[in-house]
Structures are given as C-alpha cells and as structure tokens.
Amino acid sequence: MNLEILKDKKTLLGFSLAFLMSISAIILAVAGNGLWVVFILLNLLLLAFSVRRADQLSKARGS
C-alpha cells in the first residue's frame, strides 16, 4: 500500500469496519445466530468498495 491509501480516512475506515464485521460474523456463527450471513454479505460489499477506492487512489497517484 502506498502512502495515499494509508492517509485516506474513508479507505481505512472501510477496511477496519470490514475486519470488525468479519469478527462479528464469526462470533455470531459460533453462537448459532443466523444473522452472521447478513454480516458476511455486508462485509463483502464494504470490502469491495474499499478495494475499489484504494485502486482508484493508486491509479491517480501513478498518473
């Protein structure tokens, strides 16, 4: 990762929330709660948007 991605608060927030949602989904799955599936789907969506934003920042730096 380059410095622009590490300085971008939205990208870091997205990656951090995706990580926390993954942990929450694991805890919910172990507890037998069916809500873990929703957390996984939202996690994948958030992670995709964060990776897309990081890619755009990387490409903007290269230009």
PDB file of N, CA and C in Angstrom:
ATOM      1  N   MET A   1       0.847  -1.176   0.000  1.00  0.00           N
ATOM      2  CA  MET A   1       0.000   0.000   0.000  1.00  0.00           C
ATOM      3  C   MET A   1       0.885   1.229   0.000  1.00  0.00           C
ATOM      4  N   ASN A   2       0.432   2.225  -0.693  1.00  0.00           N
ATOM      5  CA  ASN A   2       1.214   3.441  -0.706  1.00  0.00           C
ATOM      6  C   ASN A   2       0.676   4.431   0.321  1.00  0.00           C
ATOM      7  N   LEU A   3       1.338   5.528   0.448  1.00  0.00           N
ATOM      8  CA  LEU A   3       1.037   6.488   1.497  1.00  0.00           C
ATOM      9  C   LEU A   3      -0.329   7.140   1.323  1.00  0.00           C
ATOM     10  N   GLU A   4      -0.774   7.356   0.074  1.00  0.00           N
ATOM     11  CA  GLU A   4      -2.073   7.988  -0.149  1.00  0.00           C
ATOM     12  C   GLU A   4      -3.204   7.125   0.390  1.00  0.00           C
ATOM     13  N   ILE A   5      -3.080   5.822   0.228  1.00  0.00           N
ATOM     14  CA  ILE A   5      -4.118   4.919   0.729  1.00  0.00           C
ATOM     15  C   ILE A   5      -4.107   4.905   2.253  1.00  0.00           C
ATOM     16  N   LEU A   6      -2.928   4.926   2.840  1.00  0.00           N
ATOM     17  CA  LEU A   6      -2.838   4.915   4.297  1.00  0.00           C
ATOM     18  C   LEU A   6      -3.314   6.221   4.914  1.00  0.00           C
ATOM     19  N   LYS A   7      -3.257   7.317   4.170  1.00  0.00           N
ATOM     20  CA  LYS A   7      -3.721   8.609   4.669  1.00  0.00           C
ATOM     21  C   LYS A   7      -5.216   8.814   4.453  1.00  0.00           C
ATOM     22  N   ASP A   8      -5.814   8.047   3.562  1.00  0.00           N
ATOM     23  CA  ASP A   8      -7.222   8.226   3.231  1.00  0.00           C
ATOM     24  C   ASP A   8      -8.094   7.617   4.325  1.00  0.00           C
ATOM     25  N   LYS A   9      -8.871   8.463   4.981  1.00  0.00           N
ATOM     26  CA  LYS A   9      -9.668   8.015   6.120  1.00  0.00           C
ATOM     27  C   LYS A   9     -10.828   7.110   5.700  1.00  0.00           C
ATOM     28  N   LYS A  10     -11.434   7.364   4.556  1.00  0.00           N
ATOM     29  CA  LYS A  10     -12.561   6.534   4.119  1.00  0.00           C
ATOM     30  C   LYS A  10     -12.115   5.115   3.800  1.00  0.00           C
ATOM     31  N   THR A  11     -10.978   4.987   3.175  1.00  0.00           N
ATOM     32  CA  THR A  11     -10.475   3.654   2.840  1.00  0.00           C
ATOM     33  C   THR A  11     -10.099   2.887   4.097  1.00  0.00           C
ATOM     34  N   LEU A  12      -9.402   3.527   5.001  1.00  0.00           N
ATOM     35  CA  LEU A  12      -9.034   2.861   6.249  1.00  0.00           C
ATOM     36  C   LEU A  12     -10.253   2.498   7.075  1.00  0.00           C
ATOM     37  N   LEU A  13     -11.264   3.373   7.084  1.00  0.00           N
ATOM     38  CA  LEU A  13     -12.490   3.077   7.810  1.00  0.00           C
ATOM     39  C   LEU A  13     -13.194   1.875   7.199  1.00  0.00           C
ATOM     40  N   GLY A  14     -13.219   1.812   5.876  1.00  0.00           N
ATOM     41  CA  GLY A  14     -13.848   0.671   5.201  1.00  0.00           C
ATOM     42  C   GLY A  14     -13.152  -0.636   5.512  1.00  0.00           C
ATOM     43  N   PHE A  15     -11.830  -0.647   5.445  1.00  0.00           N
ATOM     44  CA  PHE A  15     -11.087  -1.872   5.758  1.00  0.00           C
ATOM     45  C   PHE A  15     -11.241  -2.262   7.228  1.00  0.00           C
ATOM     46  N   SER A  16     -11.239  -1.278   8.110  1.00  0.00           N
ATOM     47  CA  SER A  16     -11.386  -1.567   9.545  1.00  0.00           C
ATOM     48  C   SER A  16     -12.773  -2.119   9.861  1.00  0.00           C
ATOM     49  N   LEU A  17     -13.802  -1.498   9.288  1.00  0.00           N
ATOM     50  CA  LEU A  17     -15.160  -1.987   9.520  1.00  0.00           C
ATOM     51  C   LEU A  17     -15.362  -3.386   8.938  1.00  0.00           C
ATOM     52  N   ALA A  18     -14.767  -3.640   7.792  1.00  0.00           N
ATOM     53  CA  ALA A  18     -14.879  -4.972   7.199  1.00  0.00           C
ATOM     54  C   ALA A  18     -14.220  -6.015   8.107  1.00  0.00           C
ATOM     55  N   PHE A  19     -13.101  -5.667   8.685  1.00  0.00           N
ATOM     56  CA  PHE A  19     -12.419  -6.583   9.611  1.00  0.00           C
ATOM     57  C   PHE A  19     -13.274  -6.846  10.846  1.00  0.00           C
ATOM     58  N   LEU A  20     -13.851  -5.779  11.418  1.00  0.00           N
ATOM     59  CA  LEU A  20     -14.688  -5.937  12.605  1.00  0.00           C
ATOM     60  C   LEU A  20     -15.962  -6.720  12.300  1.00  0.00           C
ATOM     61  N   MET A  21     -16.525  -6.506  11.107  1.00  0.00           N
ATOM     62  CA  MET A  21     -17.721  -7.245  10.729  1.00  0.00           C
ATOM     63  C   MET A  21     -17.413  -8.733  10.533  1.00  0.00           C
ATOM     64  N   SER A  22     -16.214  -9.042  10.066  1.00  0.00           N
ATOM     65  CA  SER A  22     -15.811 -10.445   9.929  1.00  0.00           C
ATOM     66  C   SER A  22     -15.728 -11.121  11.291  1.00  0.00           C
ATOM     67  N   ILE A  23     -15.137 -10.433  12.234  1.00  0.00           N
ATOM     68  CA  ILE A  23     -15.043 -10.974  13.592  1.00  0.00           C
ATOM     69  C   ILE A  23     -16.434 -11.145  14.186  1.00  0.00           C
ATOM     70  N   SER A  24     -17.305 -10.163  13.973  1.00  0.00           N
ATOM     71  CA  SER A  24     -18.675 -10.263  14.485  1.00  0.00           C
ATOM     72  C   SER A  24     -19.415 -11.431  13.854  1.00  0.00           C
ATOM     73  N   ALA A  25     -19.213 -11.639  12.559  1.00  0.00           N
ATOM     74  CA  ALA A  25     -19.873 -12.758  11.875  1.00  0.00           C
ATOM     75  C   ALA A  25     -19.405 -14.098  12.435  1.00  0.00           C
ATOM     76  N   ILE A  26     -18.131 -14.208  12.729  1.00  0.00           N
ATOM     77  CA  ILE A  26     -17.610 -15.451  13.309  1.00  0.00           C
ATOM     78  C   ILE A  26     -18.215 -15.693  14.683  1.00  0.00           C
ATOM     79  N   ILE A  27     -18.291 -14.643  15.487  1.00  0.00           N
ATOM     80  CA  ILE A  27     -18.874 -14.775  16.824  1.00  0.00           C
ATOM     81  C   ILE A  27     -20.346 -15.164  16.733  1.00  0.00           C
ATOM     82  N   LEU A  28     -21.079 -14.541  15.808  1.00  0.00           N
ATOM     83  CA  LEU A  28     -22.491 -14.879  15.640  1.00  0.00           C
ATOM     84  C   LEU A  28     -22.673 -16.310  15.140  1.00  0.00           C
ATOM     85  N   ALA A  29     -21.806 -16.750  14.251  1.00  0.00           N
ATOM     86  CA  ALA A  29     -21.906 -18.119  13.732  1.00  0.00           C
ATOM     87  C   ALA A  29     -21.635 -19.144  14.831  1.00  0.00           C
ATOM     88  N   VAL A  30     -20.661 -18.870  15.670  1.00  0.00           N
ATOM     89  CA  VAL A  30     -20.352 -19.788  16.768  1.00  0.00           C
ATOM     90  C   VAL A  30     -21.516 -19.836  17.763  1.00  0.00           C
ATOM     91  N   ALA A  31     -22.174 -18.684  17.946  1.00  0.00           N
ATOM     92  CA  ALA A  31     -23.297 -18.627  18.879  1.00  0.00           C
ATOM     93  C   ALA A  31     -24.569 -19.237  18.297  1.00  0.00           C
ATOM     94  N   GLY A  32     -24.566 -19.540  17.005  1.00  0.00           N
ATOM     95  CA  GLY A  32     -25.729 -20.160  16.399  1.00  0.00           C
ATOM     96  C   GLY A  32     -26.757 -19.168  15.889  1.00  0.00           C
ATOM     97  N   ASN A  33     -26.396 -17.903  15.814  1.00  0.00           N
ATOM     98  CA  ASN A  33     -27.300 -16.872  15.321  1.00  0.00           C
ATOM     99  C   ASN A  33     -27.226 -16.830  13.797  1.00  0.00           C
ATOM    100  N   GLY A  34     -28.367 -16.811  13.124  1.00  0.00           N
ATOM    101  CA  GLY A  34     -28.404 -16.811  11.668  1.00  0.00           C
ATOM    102  C   GLY A  34     -28.074 -15.473  11.048  1.00  0.00           C
ATOM    103  N   LEU A  35     -27.892 -14.445  11.861  1.00  0.00           N
ATOM    104  CA  LEU A  35     -27.596 -13.114  11.346  1.00  0.00           C
ATOM    105  C   LEU A  35     -26.177 -13.012  10.779  1.00  0.00           C
ATOM    106  N   TRP A  36     -25.351 -14.019  11.007  1.00  0.00           N
ATOM    107  CA  TRP A  36     -23.975 -13.977  10.526  1.00  0.00           C
ATOM    108  C   TRP A  36     -23.914 -13.900   9.014  1.00  0.00           C
ATOM    109  N   VAL A  37     -24.909 -14.447   8.329  1.00  0.00           N
ATOM    110  CA  VAL A  37     -24.923 -14.415   6.869  1.00  0.00           C
ATOM    111  C   VAL A  37     -25.046 -12.977   6.374  1.00  0.00           C
ATOM    112  N   VAL A  38     -25.877 -12.187   7.025  1.00  0.00           N
ATOM    113  CA  VAL A  38     -26.044 -10.776   6.661  1.00  0.00           C
ATOM    114  C   VAL A  38     -24.735 -10.026   6.869  1.00  0.00           C
ATOM    115  N   PHE A  39     -24.065 -10.317   7.959  1.00  0.00           N
ATOM    116  CA  PHE A  39     -22.792  -9.654   8.234  1.00  0.00           C
ATOM    117  C   PHE A  39     -21.748  -9.995   7.171  1.00  0.00           C
ATOM    118  N   ILE A  40     -21.724 -11.231   6.728  1.00  0.00           N
ATOM    119  CA  ILE A  40     -20.761 -11.641   5.695  1.00  0.00           C
ATOM    120  C   ILE A  40     -21.063 -10.930   4.376  1.00  0.00           C
ATOM    121  N   LEU A  41     -22.330 -10.861   4.001  1.00  0.00           N
ATOM    122  CA  LEU A  41     -22.695 -10.188   2.744  1.00  0.00           C
ATOM    123  C   LEU A  41     -22.371  -8.698   2.791  1.00  0.00           C
ATOM    124  N   LEU A  42     -22.694  -8.043   3.894  1.00  0.00           N
ATOM    125  CA  LEU A  42     -22.359  -6.624   4.030  1.00  0.00           C
ATOM    126  C   LEU A  42     -20.848  -6.414   4.072  1.00  0.00           C
ATOM    127  N   ASN A  43     -20.151  -7.347   4.688  1.00  0.00           N
ATOM    128  CA  ASN A  43     -18.695  -7.297   4.757  1.00  0.00           C
ATOM    129  C   ASN A  43     -18.086  -7.360   3.360  1.00  0.00           C
ATOM    130  N   LEU A  44     -18.575  -8.284   2.531  1.00  0.00           N
ATOM    131  CA  LEU A  44     -18.046  -8.407   1.173  1.00  0.00           C
ATOM    132  C   LEU A  44     -18.324  -7.158   0.353  1.00  0.00           C
ATOM    133  N   LEU A  45     -19.500  -6.585   0.517  1.00  0.00           N
ATOM    134  CA  LEU A  45     -19.849  -5.359  -0.197  1.00  0.00           C
ATOM    135  C   LEU A  45     -18.951  -4.196   0.235  1.00  0.00           C
ATOM    136  N   LEU A  46     -18.782  -4.035   1.527  1.00  0.00           N
ATOM    137  CA  LEU A  46     -17.924  -2.968   2.050  1.00  0.00           C
ATOM    138  C   LEU A  46     -16.474  -3.161   1.634  1.00  0.00           C
ATOM    139  N   LEU A  47     -16.009  -4.388   1.653  1.00  0.00           N
ATOM    140  CA  LEU A  47     -14.636  -4.677   1.253  1.00  0.00           C
ATOM    141  C   LEU A  47     -14.418  -4.378  -0.230  1.00  0.00           C
ATOM    142  N   ALA A  48     -15.410  -4.704  -1.056  1.00  0.00           N
ATOM    143  CA  ALA A  48     -15.299  -4.421  -2.492  1.00  0.00           C
ATOM    144  C   ALA A  48     -15.215  -2.921  -2.753  1.00  0.00           C
ATOM    145  N   PHE A  49     -16.029  -2.140  -2.056  1.00  0.00           N
ATOM    146  CA  PHE A  49     -15.972  -0.685  -2.235  1.00  0.00           C
ATOM    147  C   PHE A  49     -14.650  -0.106  -1.736  1.00  0.00           C
ATOM    148  N   SER A  50     -14.129  -0.641  -0.645  1.00  0.00           N
ATOM    149  CA  SER A  50     -12.861  -0.152  -0.109  1.00  0.00           C
ATOM    150  C   SER A  50     -11.701  -0.473  -1.047  1.00  0.00           C
ATOM    151  N   VAL A  51     -11.703  -1.671  -1.605  1.00  0.00           N
ATOM    152  CA  VAL A  51     -10.642  -2.055  -2.544  1.00  0.00           C
ATOM    153  C   VAL A  51     -10.733  -1.208  -3.807  1.00  0.00           C
ATOM    154  N   ARG A  52     -11.954  -0.945  -4.259  1.00  0.00           N
ATOM    155  CA  ARG A  52     -12.142  -0.099  -5.441  1.00  0.00           C
ATOM    156  C   ARG A  52     -11.601   1.315  -5.197  1.00  0.00           C
ATOM    157  N   ARG A  53     -11.902   1.860  -4.021  1.00  0.00           N
ATOM    158  CA  ARG A  53     -11.406   3.205  -3.686  1.00  0.00           C
ATOM    159  C   ARG A  53      -9.878   3.210  -3.589  1.00  0.00           C
ATOM    160  N   ALA A  54      -9.307   2.183  -2.988  1.00  0.00           N
ATOM    161  CA  ALA A  54      -7.851   2.100  -2.885  1.00  0.00           C
ATOM    162  C   ALA A  54      -7.220   1.978  -4.266  1.00  0.00           C
ATOM    163  N   ASP A  55      -7.857   1.231  -5.150  1.00  0.00           N
ATOM    164  CA  ASP A  55      -7.360   1.094  -6.526  1.00  0.00           C
ATOM    165  C   ASP A  55      -7.406   2.426  -7.252  1.00  0.00           C
ATOM    166  N   GLN A  56      -8.475   3.176  -7.069  1.00  0.00           N
ATOM    167  CA  GLN A  56      -8.586   4.480  -7.706  1.00  0.00           C
ATOM    168  C   GLN A  56      -7.519   5.439  -7.182  1.00  0.00           C
ATOM    169  N   LEU A  57      -7.258   5.391  -5.890  1.00  0.00           N
ATOM    170  CA  LEU A  57      -6.214   6.247  -5.325  1.00  0.00           C
ATOM    171  C   LEU A  57      -4.842   5.874  -5.856  1.00  0.00           C
ATOM    172  N   SER A  58      -4.600   4.588  -6.010  1.00  0.00           N
ATOM    173  CA  SER A  58      -3.315   4.130  -6.539  1.00  0.00           C
ATOM    174  C   SER A  58      -3.132   4.558  -7.991  1.00  0.00           C
ATOM    175  N   LYS A  59      -4.195   4.435  -8.775  1.00  0.00           N
ATOM    176  CA  LYS A  59      -4.118   4.816 -10.182  1.00  0.00           C
ATOM    177  C   LYS A  59      -3.965   6.326 -10.344  1.00  0.00           C
ATOM    178  N   ALA A  60      -4.606   7.100  -9.475  1.00  0.00           N
ATOM    179  CA  ALA A  60      -4.485   8.560  -9.531  1.00  0.00           C
ATOM    180  C   ALA A  60      -3.060   8.990  -9.197  1.00  0.00           C
ATOM    181  N   ARG A  61      -2.411   8.267  -8.311  1.00  0.00           N
ATOM    182  CA  ARG A  61      -1.030   8.587  -7.949  1.00  0.00           C
ATOM    183  C   ARG A  61      -0.078   8.285  -9.106  1.00  0.00           C
ATOM    184  N   GLY A  62      -0.366   7.201  -9.842  1.00  0.00           N
ATOM    185  CA  GLY A  62       0.501   6.793 -10.934  1.00  0.00           C
ATOM    186  C   GLY A  62       0.416   7.702 -12.147  1.00  0.00           C
ATOM    187  N   SER A  63      -0.683   8.435 -12.291  1.00  0.00           N
ATOM    188  CA  SER A  63      -0.861   9.293 -13.451  1.00  0.00           C
ATOM    189  C   SER A  63      -0.081  10.579 -13.343  1.00  0.00           C
TER     190      SER A  63
END
